[in-house]
PDB file of N, CA and C in Angstrom:
ATOM      1  N   MET A   1      -7.232  16.061   4.992  1.00  0.00           N
ATOM      2  CA  MET A   1      -7.986  15.085   5.797  1.00  0.00           C
ATOM      3  C   MET A   1      -7.229  13.756   5.814  1.00  0.00           C
ATOM      4  N   PRO A   2      -6.568  13.445   6.912  1.00  0.00           N
ATOM      5  CA  PRO A   2      -5.733  12.234   6.986  1.00  0.00           C
ATOM      6  C   PRO A   2      -6.531  10.968   6.741  1.00  0.00           C
ATOM      7  N   SER A   3      -7.784  10.936   7.192  1.00  0.00           N
ATOM      8  CA  SER A   3      -8.582   9.715   7.038  1.00  0.00           C
ATOM      9  C   SER A   3      -8.794   9.394   5.566  1.00  0.00           C
ATOM     10  N   CYS A   4      -9.069  10.414   4.765  1.00  0.00           N
ATOM     11  CA  CYS A   4      -9.290  10.191   3.332  1.00  0.00           C
ATOM     12  C   CYS A   4      -8.008   9.725   2.667  1.00  0.00           C
ATOM     13  N   ARG A   5      -6.876  10.333   3.053  1.00  0.00           N
ATOM     14  CA  ARG A   5      -5.601   9.934   2.467  1.00  0.00           C
ATOM     15  C   ARG A   5      -5.280   8.503   2.844  1.00  0.00           C
ATOM     16  N   LEU A   6      -5.600   8.131   4.078  1.00  0.00           N
ATOM     17  CA  LEU A   6      -5.341   6.758   4.522  1.00  0.00           C
ATOM     18  C   LEU A   6      -6.155   5.772   3.691  1.00  0.00           C
ATOM     19  N   VAL A   7      -7.411   6.112   3.437  1.00  0.00           N
ATOM     20  CA  VAL A   7      -8.271   5.240   2.628  1.00  0.00           C
ATOM     21  C   VAL A   7      -7.690   5.071   1.236  1.00  0.00           C
ATOM     22  N   LEU A   8      -7.193   6.158   0.643  1.00  0.00           N
ATOM     23  CA  LEU A   8      -6.607   6.086  -0.696  1.00  0.00           C
ATOM     24  C   LEU A   8      -5.385   5.187  -0.685  1.00  0.00           C
ATOM     25  N   LYS A   9      -4.544   5.313   0.350  1.00  0.00           N
ATOM     26  CA  LYS A   9      -3.337   4.491   0.435  1.00  0.00           C
ATOM     27  C   LYS A   9      -3.706   3.020   0.566  1.00  0.00           C
ATOM     28  N   VAL A  10      -4.695   2.729   1.401  1.00  0.00           N
ATOM     29  CA  VAL A  10      -5.131   1.341   1.568  1.00  0.00           C
ATOM     30  C   VAL A  10      -5.681   0.802   0.254  1.00  0.00           C
ATOM     31  N   GLY A  11      -6.415   1.639  -0.466  1.00  0.00           N
ATOM     32  CA  GLY A  11      -6.963   1.226  -1.755  1.00  0.00           C
ATOM     33  C   GLY A  11      -5.864   0.874  -2.739  1.00  0.00           C
ATOM     34  N   VAL A  12      -4.802   1.692  -2.760  1.00  0.00           N
ATOM     35  CA  VAL A  12      -3.670   1.416  -3.652  1.00  0.00           C
ATOM     36  C   VAL A  12      -3.021   0.097  -3.273  1.00  0.00           C
ATOM     37  N   LEU A  13      -2.851  -0.145  -1.969  1.00  0.00           N
ATOM     38  CA  LEU A  13      -2.236  -1.398  -1.523  1.00  0.00           C
ATOM     39  C   LEU A  13      -3.097  -2.587  -1.932  1.00  0.00           C
ATOM     40  N   VAL A  14      -4.411  -2.450  -1.822  1.00  0.00           N
ATOM     41  CA  VAL A  14      -5.312  -3.541  -2.212  1.00  0.00           C
ATOM     42  C   VAL A  14      -5.178  -3.833  -3.700  1.00  0.00           C
ATOM     43  N   ILE A  15      -5.091  -2.763  -4.506  1.00  0.00           N
ATOM     44  CA  ILE A  15      -4.934  -2.943  -5.958  1.00  0.00           C
ATOM     45  C   ILE A  15      -3.632  -3.665  -6.248  1.00  0.00           C
ATOM     46  N   LEU A  16      -2.555  -3.277  -5.548  1.00  0.00           N
ATOM     47  CA  LEU A  16      -1.264  -3.927  -5.762  1.00  0.00           C
ATOM     48  C   LEU A  16      -1.355  -5.400  -5.386  1.00  0.00           C
ATOM     49  N   LEU A  17      -2.035  -5.702  -4.283  1.00  0.00           N
ATOM     50  CA  LEU A  17      -2.172  -7.095  -3.849  1.00  0.00           C
ATOM     51  C   LEU A  17      -2.963  -7.895  -4.877  1.00  0.00           C
ATOM     52  N   ASP A  18      -3.938  -7.259  -5.509  1.00  0.00           N
ATOM     53  CA  ASP A  18      -4.758  -7.968  -6.499  1.00  0.00           C
ATOM     54  C   ASP A  18      -3.993  -8.191  -7.800  1.00  0.00           C
ATOM     55  N   ASN A  19      -3.135  -7.235  -8.171  1.00  0.00           N
ATOM     56  CA  ASN A  19      -2.480  -7.294  -9.477  1.00  0.00           C
ATOM     57  C   ASN A  19      -1.164  -8.065  -9.450  1.00  0.00           C
ATOM     58  N   LEU A  20      -0.480  -8.076  -8.309  1.00  0.00           N
ATOM     59  CA  LEU A  20       0.820  -8.735  -8.229  1.00  0.00           C
ATOM     60  C   LEU A  20       0.686 -10.097  -7.567  1.00  0.00           C
ATOM     61  N   ASP A  21       1.734 -10.899  -7.690  1.00  0.00           N
ATOM     62  CA  ASP A  21       1.761 -12.180  -6.972  1.00  0.00           C
ATOM     63  C   ASP A  21       1.686 -11.904  -5.475  1.00  0.00           C
ATOM     64  N   VAL A  22       0.976 -12.752  -4.749  1.00  0.00           N
ATOM     65  CA  VAL A  22       0.756 -12.516  -3.322  1.00  0.00           C
ATOM     66  C   VAL A  22       2.082 -12.460  -2.576  1.00  0.00           C
ATOM     67  N   SER A  23       2.990 -13.386  -2.870  1.00  0.00           N
ATOM     68  CA  SER A  23       4.258 -13.433  -2.149  1.00  0.00           C
ATOM     69  C   SER A  23       5.058 -12.162  -2.401  1.00  0.00           C
ATOM     70  N   THR A  24       5.103 -11.713  -3.646  1.00  0.00           N
ATOM     71  CA  THR A  24       5.856 -10.501  -3.974  1.00  0.00           C
ATOM     72  C   THR A  24       5.215  -9.289  -3.319  1.00  0.00           C
ATOM     73  N   SER A  25       3.887  -9.231  -3.327  1.00  0.00           N
ATOM     74  CA  SER A  25       3.188  -8.088  -2.759  1.00  0.00           C
ATOM     75  C   SER A  25       3.429  -7.997  -1.258  1.00  0.00           C
ATOM     76  N   LEU A  26       3.360  -9.124  -0.563  1.00  0.00           N
ATOM     77  CA  LEU A  26       3.541  -9.117   0.884  1.00  0.00           C
ATOM     78  C   LEU A  26       4.939  -8.651   1.248  1.00  0.00           C
ATOM     79  N   CYS A  27       5.921  -8.926   0.377  1.00  0.00           N
ATOM     80  CA  CYS A  27       7.286  -8.478   0.648  1.00  0.00           C
ATOM     81  C   CYS A  27       7.414  -6.980   0.405  1.00  0.00           C
ATOM     82  N   ASN A  28       6.648  -6.452  -0.539  1.00  0.00           N
ATOM     83  CA  ASN A  28       6.771  -5.046  -0.917  1.00  0.00           C
ATOM     84  C   ASN A  28       5.898  -4.119  -0.073  1.00  0.00           C
ATOM     85  N   VAL A  29       4.853  -4.651   0.528  1.00  0.00           N
ATOM     86  CA  VAL A  29       3.923  -3.807   1.281  1.00  0.00           C
ATOM     87  C   VAL A  29       4.618  -3.007   2.381  1.00  0.00           C
ATOM     88  N   PRO A  30       5.473  -3.623   3.229  1.00  0.00           N
ATOM     89  CA  PRO A  30       6.141  -2.830   4.274  1.00  0.00           C
ATOM     90  C   PRO A  30       6.948  -1.684   3.686  1.00  0.00           C
ATOM     91  N   CYS A  31       7.632  -1.913   2.566  1.00  0.00           N
ATOM     92  CA  CYS A  31       8.416  -0.855   1.929  1.00  0.00           C
ATOM     93  C   CYS A  31       7.501   0.250   1.427  1.00  0.00           C
ATOM     94  N   ILE A  32       6.374  -0.130   0.836  1.00  0.00           N
ATOM     95  CA  ILE A  32       5.425   0.858   0.316  1.00  0.00           C
ATOM     96  C   ILE A  32       4.869   1.704   1.459  1.00  0.00           C
ATOM     97  N   ILE A  33       4.528   1.054   2.574  1.00  0.00           N
ATOM     98  CA  ILE A  33       3.982   1.778   3.724  1.00  0.00           C
ATOM     99  C   ILE A  33       5.007   2.767   4.253  1.00  0.00           C
ATOM    100  N   ILE A  34       6.271   2.335   4.349  1.00  0.00           N
ATOM    101  CA  ILE A  34       7.330   3.215   4.850  1.00  0.00           C
ATOM    102  C   ILE A  34       7.467   4.430   3.939  1.00  0.00           C
ATOM    103  N   VAL A  35       7.424   4.202   2.628  1.00  0.00           N
ATOM    104  CA  VAL A  35       7.543   5.314   1.678  1.00  0.00           C
ATOM    105  C   VAL A  35       6.397   6.299   1.873  1.00  0.00           C
ATOM    106  N   HIS A  36       5.178   5.796   2.048  1.00  0.00           N
ATOM    107  CA  HIS A  36       4.026   6.676   2.235  1.00  0.00           C
ATOM    108  C   HIS A  36       4.142   7.451   3.545  1.00  0.00           C
ATOM    109  N   LEU A  37       4.622   6.794   4.594  1.00  0.00           N
ATOM    110  CA  LEU A  37       4.754   7.472   5.881  1.00  0.00           C
ATOM    111  C   LEU A  37       5.794   8.581   5.794  1.00  0.00           C
ATOM    112  N   GLU A  38       6.876   8.341   5.043  1.00  0.00           N
ATOM    113  CA  GLU A  38       7.913   9.359   4.903  1.00  0.00           C
ATOM    114  C   GLU A  38       7.394  10.549   4.104  1.00  0.00           C
ATOM    115  N   ASN A  39       6.520  10.269   3.136  1.00  0.00           N
ATOM    116  CA  ASN A  39       5.975  11.361   2.329  1.00  0.00           C
ATOM    117  C   ASN A  39       4.826  12.040   3.074  1.00  0.00           C
TER     118      ASN A  39
END
């Protein structure tokens, strides 16, 4: 179910944004999204 997987990915990104510095997270988010799309 792609919708459920998408929700999980968004949840992980939110956790990363909460735990890391905002500037560092914003730089890493595009890379993380690309990795998830490739997988």
